Amino acid sequence: MTINVGIYEARTDFSRLIALVESGEEDVMVTRHGKPVAHIVAPEAHLQTPRAMLDDDARKEQRWQRWQAGRTIMREAFGDPDPSPEEVLSWIRDSRADL
């Protein structure tokens, strides 16, 4: 959660504000006349390098492509993989009848 503080309060209570940010409880938006001028956040928010961000995006894209390929294979093999609720209920009834 982000709290807004004026420059005067930020200057006088800087140690307390840093402790809040450090503990992960709050982010601090410093304002002058109600307009944001600085944002104090924990360093973890900025530690990811651009290379790591690109690698994460590439992995997400690969997972998406694998999911799409699997879905296509299932559709070709079994028809529409998203059965209607009525179909699911009939499968449940049929399986119970076999018991």
N, C-alpha and C. Protein backbone atom coordinates (compact mmCIF):
# COMPACT_ATOMS: atom_id res chain seq x y z
N MET A 1 0.85 -1.17 0.00
CA MET A 1 0.00 0.00 0.00
C MET A 1 0.90 1.24 0.00
N THR A 2 0.44 2.28 -0.62
CA THR A 2 1.22 3.51 -0.72
C THR A 2 0.62 4.58 0.17
N ILE A 3 1.49 5.25 0.94
CA ILE A 3 1.02 6.38 1.73
C ILE A 3 1.61 7.65 1.12
N ASN A 4 0.87 8.72 1.19
CA ASN A 4 1.32 10.02 0.71
C ASN A 4 1.76 10.87 1.89
N VAL A 5 2.94 11.48 1.76
CA VAL A 5 3.43 12.38 2.79
C VAL A 5 3.99 13.62 2.11
N GLY A 6 3.86 14.75 2.78
CA GLY A 6 4.45 15.98 2.28
C GLY A 6 5.95 15.99 2.50
N ILE A 7 6.62 16.89 1.82
CA ILE A 7 8.08 16.98 1.93
C ILE A 7 8.51 17.24 3.36
N TYR A 8 7.82 18.13 4.07
CA TYR A 8 8.19 18.46 5.44
C TYR A 8 8.12 17.21 6.32
N GLU A 9 7.01 16.46 6.22
CA GLU A 9 6.87 15.24 7.02
C GLU A 9 7.91 14.20 6.62
N ALA A 10 8.19 14.09 5.34
CA ALA A 10 9.21 13.14 4.88
C ALA A 10 10.57 13.49 5.45
N ARG A 11 10.88 14.77 5.50
CA ARG A 11 12.17 15.20 6.02
C ARG A 11 12.27 14.96 7.52
N THR A 12 11.20 15.26 8.25
CA THR A 12 11.27 15.13 9.70
C THR A 12 11.15 13.68 10.17
N ASP A 13 10.41 12.84 9.41
CA ASP A 13 10.20 11.44 9.81
C ASP A 13 10.85 10.46 8.84
N PHE A 14 11.95 10.86 8.23
CA PHE A 14 12.56 10.04 7.20
C PHE A 14 12.92 8.64 7.70
N SER A 15 13.48 8.53 8.89
CA SER A 15 13.87 7.21 9.43
C SER A 15 12.66 6.30 9.59
N ARG A 16 11.57 6.85 10.10
CA ARG A 16 10.35 6.05 10.28
C ARG A 16 9.81 5.59 8.94
N LEU A 17 9.82 6.47 7.94
CA LEU A 17 9.32 6.12 6.62
C LEU A 17 10.18 5.05 5.97
N ILE A 18 11.49 5.18 6.11
CA ILE A 18 12.39 4.16 5.57
C ILE A 18 12.14 2.82 6.26
N ALA A 19 11.89 2.82 7.55
CA ALA A 19 11.60 1.58 8.27
C ALA A 19 10.33 0.93 7.74
N LEU A 20 9.32 1.73 7.43
CA LEU A 20 8.08 1.19 6.86
C LEU A 20 8.34 0.54 5.50
N VAL A 21 9.10 1.23 4.67
CA VAL A 21 9.41 0.69 3.34
C VAL A 21 10.26 -0.57 3.47
N GLU A 22 11.25 -0.53 4.35
CA GLU A 22 12.15 -1.65 4.54
C GLU A 22 11.41 -2.89 5.02
N SER A 23 10.41 -2.71 5.86
CA SER A 23 9.65 -3.84 6.38
C SER A 23 8.66 -4.40 5.36
N GLY A 24 8.46 -3.67 4.28
CA GLY A 24 7.53 -4.13 3.25
C GLY A 24 6.09 -3.74 3.51
N GLU A 25 5.85 -2.99 4.57
CA GLU A 25 4.48 -2.60 4.92
C GLU A 25 3.93 -1.55 3.97
N GLU A 26 4.76 -0.59 3.58
CA GLU A 26 4.27 0.56 2.82
C GLU A 26 5.28 0.98 1.76
N ASP A 27 4.78 1.64 0.73
CA ASP A 27 5.58 2.46 -0.18
C ASP A 27 5.23 3.89 0.20
N VAL A 28 6.13 4.81 -0.05
CA VAL A 28 5.89 6.20 0.34
C VAL A 28 5.95 7.09 -0.89
N MET A 29 4.89 7.84 -1.11
CA MET A 29 4.86 8.85 -2.16
C MET A 29 5.06 10.20 -1.50
N VAL A 30 6.14 10.88 -1.87
CA VAL A 30 6.44 12.20 -1.31
C VAL A 30 5.82 13.23 -2.23
N THR A 31 5.07 14.17 -1.64
CA THR A 31 4.36 15.16 -2.44
C THR A 31 4.78 16.58 -2.06
N ARG A 32 4.64 17.47 -3.03
CA ARG A 32 4.83 18.90 -2.79
C ARG A 32 3.55 19.58 -3.29
N HIS A 33 2.85 20.24 -2.39
CA HIS A 33 1.58 20.89 -2.70
C HIS A 33 0.59 19.89 -3.32
N GLY A 34 0.63 18.66 -2.83
CA GLY A 34 -0.31 17.63 -3.28
C GLY A 34 0.09 16.93 -4.56
N LYS A 35 1.21 17.30 -5.17
CA LYS A 35 1.65 16.67 -6.41
C LYS A 35 2.85 15.77 -6.12
N PRO A 36 2.84 14.53 -6.63
CA PRO A 36 3.95 13.60 -6.37
C PRO A 36 5.28 14.12 -6.92
N VAL A 37 6.33 14.02 -6.09
CA VAL A 37 7.66 14.41 -6.54
C VAL A 37 8.67 13.27 -6.37
N ALA A 38 8.39 12.29 -5.51
CA ALA A 38 9.29 11.17 -5.31
C ALA A 38 8.50 9.97 -4.80
N HIS A 39 9.01 8.78 -5.11
CA HIS A 39 8.36 7.55 -4.67
C HIS A 39 9.44 6.69 -4.02
N ILE A 40 9.28 6.36 -2.76
CA ILE A 40 10.25 5.54 -2.04
C ILE A 40 9.69 4.12 -1.99
N VAL A 41 10.42 3.18 -2.60
CA VAL A 41 9.99 1.78 -2.64
C VAL A 41 11.15 0.90 -2.22
N ALA A 42 10.84 -0.34 -1.86
CA ALA A 42 11.86 -1.31 -1.50
C ALA A 42 12.69 -1.66 -2.74
N PRO A 43 13.95 -1.98 -2.58
CA PRO A 43 14.81 -2.22 -3.74
C PRO A 43 14.43 -3.46 -4.54
N GLU A 44 13.74 -4.42 -3.94
CA GLU A 44 13.36 -5.63 -4.67
C GLU A 44 12.55 -5.31 -5.91
N ALA A 45 11.82 -4.22 -5.87
CA ALA A 45 11.00 -3.84 -7.02
C ALA A 45 11.85 -3.47 -8.23
N HIS A 46 13.13 -3.14 -8.00
CA HIS A 46 13.98 -2.68 -9.10
C HIS A 46 15.20 -3.56 -9.32
N LEU A 47 15.29 -4.70 -8.65
CA LEU A 47 16.48 -5.53 -8.76
C LEU A 47 16.51 -6.39 -10.01
N GLN A 48 15.37 -6.62 -10.63
CA GLN A 48 15.34 -7.47 -11.82
C GLN A 48 15.97 -6.72 -12.99
N THR A 49 16.96 -7.34 -13.59
CA THR A 49 17.66 -6.71 -14.70
C THR A 49 16.84 -6.81 -15.98
N PRO A 50 17.13 -5.97 -16.95
CA PRO A 50 16.42 -6.08 -18.23
C PRO A 50 16.57 -7.47 -18.86
N ARG A 51 17.73 -8.09 -18.72
CA ARG A 51 17.94 -9.43 -19.28
C ARG A 51 17.01 -10.44 -18.61
N ALA A 52 16.89 -10.35 -17.29
CA ALA A 52 16.00 -11.27 -16.57
C ALA A 52 14.56 -11.04 -16.99
N MET A 53 14.19 -9.78 -17.21
CA MET A 53 12.83 -9.48 -17.66
C MET A 53 12.58 -10.09 -19.03
N LEU A 54 13.55 -10.00 -19.93
CA LEU A 54 13.41 -10.59 -21.26
C LEU A 54 13.32 -12.12 -21.18
N ASP A 55 14.13 -12.73 -20.31
CA ASP A 55 14.07 -14.18 -20.13
C ASP A 55 12.71 -14.61 -19.61
N ASP A 56 12.15 -13.86 -18.64
CA ASP A 56 10.81 -14.17 -18.12
C ASP A 56 9.77 -14.09 -19.22
N ASP A 57 9.86 -13.06 -20.05
CA ASP A 57 8.91 -12.91 -21.15
C ASP A 57 9.03 -14.06 -22.14
N ALA A 58 10.27 -14.47 -22.42
CA ALA A 58 10.49 -15.58 -23.36
C ALA A 58 9.90 -16.87 -22.81
N ARG A 59 10.10 -17.13 -21.50
CA ARG A 59 9.54 -18.34 -20.89
C ARG A 59 8.01 -18.31 -20.93
N LYS A 60 7.42 -17.15 -20.67
CA LYS A 60 5.96 -17.05 -20.73
C LYS A 60 5.47 -17.33 -22.14
N GLU A 61 6.15 -16.81 -23.14
CA GLU A 61 5.77 -17.04 -24.53
C GLU A 61 5.89 -18.52 -24.89
N GLN A 62 6.97 -19.17 -24.45
CA GLN A 62 7.15 -20.60 -24.71
C GLN A 62 6.04 -21.42 -24.06
N ARG A 63 5.67 -21.08 -22.81
CA ARG A 63 4.58 -21.80 -22.13
C ARG A 63 3.27 -21.61 -22.89
N TRP A 64 3.02 -20.40 -23.36
CA TRP A 64 1.79 -20.11 -24.09
C TRP A 64 1.76 -20.93 -25.38
N GLN A 65 2.87 -20.99 -26.10
CA GLN A 65 2.92 -21.75 -27.35
C GLN A 65 2.72 -23.24 -27.10
N ARG A 66 3.34 -23.77 -26.01
CA ARG A 66 3.13 -25.18 -25.68
C ARG A 66 1.68 -25.45 -25.33
N TRP A 67 1.06 -24.55 -24.59
CA TRP A 67 -0.35 -24.72 -24.23
C TRP A 67 -1.22 -24.73 -25.47
N GLN A 68 -0.95 -23.78 -26.39
CA GLN A 68 -1.73 -23.71 -27.63
C GLN A 68 -1.56 -24.98 -28.46
N ALA A 69 -0.31 -25.49 -28.54
CA ALA A 69 -0.06 -26.70 -29.31
C ALA A 69 -0.78 -27.89 -28.68
N GLY A 70 -0.73 -28.00 -27.36
CA GLY A 70 -1.44 -29.08 -26.68
C GLY A 70 -2.94 -29.00 -26.89
N ARG A 71 -3.45 -27.82 -26.86
CA ARG A 71 -4.89 -27.64 -27.08
C ARG A 71 -5.28 -28.05 -28.50
N THR A 72 -4.44 -27.71 -29.48
CA THR A 72 -4.71 -28.09 -30.87
C THR A 72 -4.68 -29.61 -31.01
N ILE A 73 -3.70 -30.26 -30.39
CA ILE A 73 -3.61 -31.72 -30.45
C ILE A 73 -4.84 -32.35 -29.82
N MET A 74 -5.28 -31.84 -28.68
CA MET A 74 -6.47 -32.39 -28.02
C MET A 74 -7.71 -32.19 -28.88
N ARG A 75 -7.84 -31.04 -29.51
CA ARG A 75 -9.00 -30.80 -30.37
C ARG A 75 -9.01 -31.77 -31.54
N GLU A 76 -7.84 -32.01 -32.14
CA GLU A 76 -7.76 -32.93 -33.28
C GLU A 76 -8.07 -34.36 -32.85
N ALA A 77 -7.62 -34.73 -31.66
CA ALA A 77 -7.81 -36.10 -31.20
C ALA A 77 -9.20 -36.36 -30.65
N PHE A 78 -9.74 -35.41 -29.89
CA PHE A 78 -10.98 -35.67 -29.17
C PHE A 78 -12.11 -34.71 -29.50
N GLY A 79 -11.92 -33.82 -30.43
CA GLY A 79 -12.94 -32.83 -30.70
C GLY A 79 -12.78 -31.64 -29.78
N ASP A 80 -13.84 -30.93 -29.55
CA ASP A 80 -13.80 -29.72 -28.72
C ASP A 80 -13.43 -30.10 -27.29
N PRO A 81 -12.30 -29.59 -26.75
CA PRO A 81 -11.88 -29.97 -25.40
C PRO A 81 -12.68 -29.29 -24.29
N ASP A 82 -13.53 -28.36 -24.64
CA ASP A 82 -14.32 -27.65 -23.63
C ASP A 82 -15.76 -28.19 -23.66
N PRO A 83 -16.00 -29.26 -22.91
CA PRO A 83 -17.35 -29.84 -22.94
C PRO A 83 -18.37 -28.94 -22.25
N SER A 84 -19.59 -29.10 -22.66
CA SER A 84 -20.65 -28.33 -22.03
C SER A 84 -20.95 -28.94 -20.66
N PRO A 85 -21.63 -28.18 -19.79
CA PRO A 85 -21.98 -28.73 -18.46
C PRO A 85 -22.86 -29.98 -18.58
N GLU A 86 -23.71 -30.03 -19.58
CA GLU A 86 -24.57 -31.21 -19.76
C GLU A 86 -23.74 -32.45 -20.08
N GLU A 87 -22.69 -32.26 -20.93
CA GLU A 87 -21.82 -33.39 -21.26
C GLU A 87 -21.09 -33.89 -20.02
N VAL A 88 -20.62 -32.99 -19.21
CA VAL A 88 -19.91 -33.37 -18.00
C VAL A 88 -20.84 -34.14 -17.07
N LEU A 89 -22.06 -33.65 -16.90
CA LEU A 89 -23.02 -34.36 -16.05
C LEU A 89 -23.33 -35.75 -16.59
N SER A 90 -23.46 -35.88 -17.92
CA SER A 90 -23.74 -37.20 -18.48
C SER A 90 -22.56 -38.13 -18.27
N TRP A 91 -21.32 -37.63 -18.36
CA TRP A 91 -20.15 -38.47 -18.10
C TRP A 91 -20.15 -38.93 -16.64
N ILE A 92 -20.51 -38.03 -15.72
CA ILE A 92 -20.55 -38.40 -14.30
C ILE A 92 -21.61 -39.47 -14.07
N ARG A 93 -22.79 -39.26 -14.65
CA ARG A 93 -23.87 -40.25 -14.49
C ARG A 93 -23.45 -41.61 -15.06
N ASP A 94 -22.82 -41.59 -16.25
CA ASP A 94 -22.39 -42.84 -16.88
C ASP A 94 -21.34 -43.54 -16.01
N SER A 95 -20.41 -42.78 -15.44
CA SER A 95 -19.39 -43.41 -14.62
C SER A 95 -19.98 -43.99 -13.34
N ARG A 96 -21.00 -43.34 -12.80
CA ARG A 96 -21.66 -43.85 -11.59
C ARG A 96 -22.47 -45.10 -11.91
N ALA A 97 -23.04 -45.15 -13.10
CA ALA A 97 -23.82 -46.32 -13.49
C ALA A 97 -22.92 -47.55 -13.64
N ASP A 98 -21.64 -47.31 -14.02
CA ASP A 98 -20.73 -48.43 -14.17
C ASP A 98 -20.31 -49.02 -12.84
N LEU A 99 -20.46 -48.28 -11.75
CA LEU A 99 -20.04 -48.78 -10.43
C LEU A 99 -21.04 -49.70 -9.89
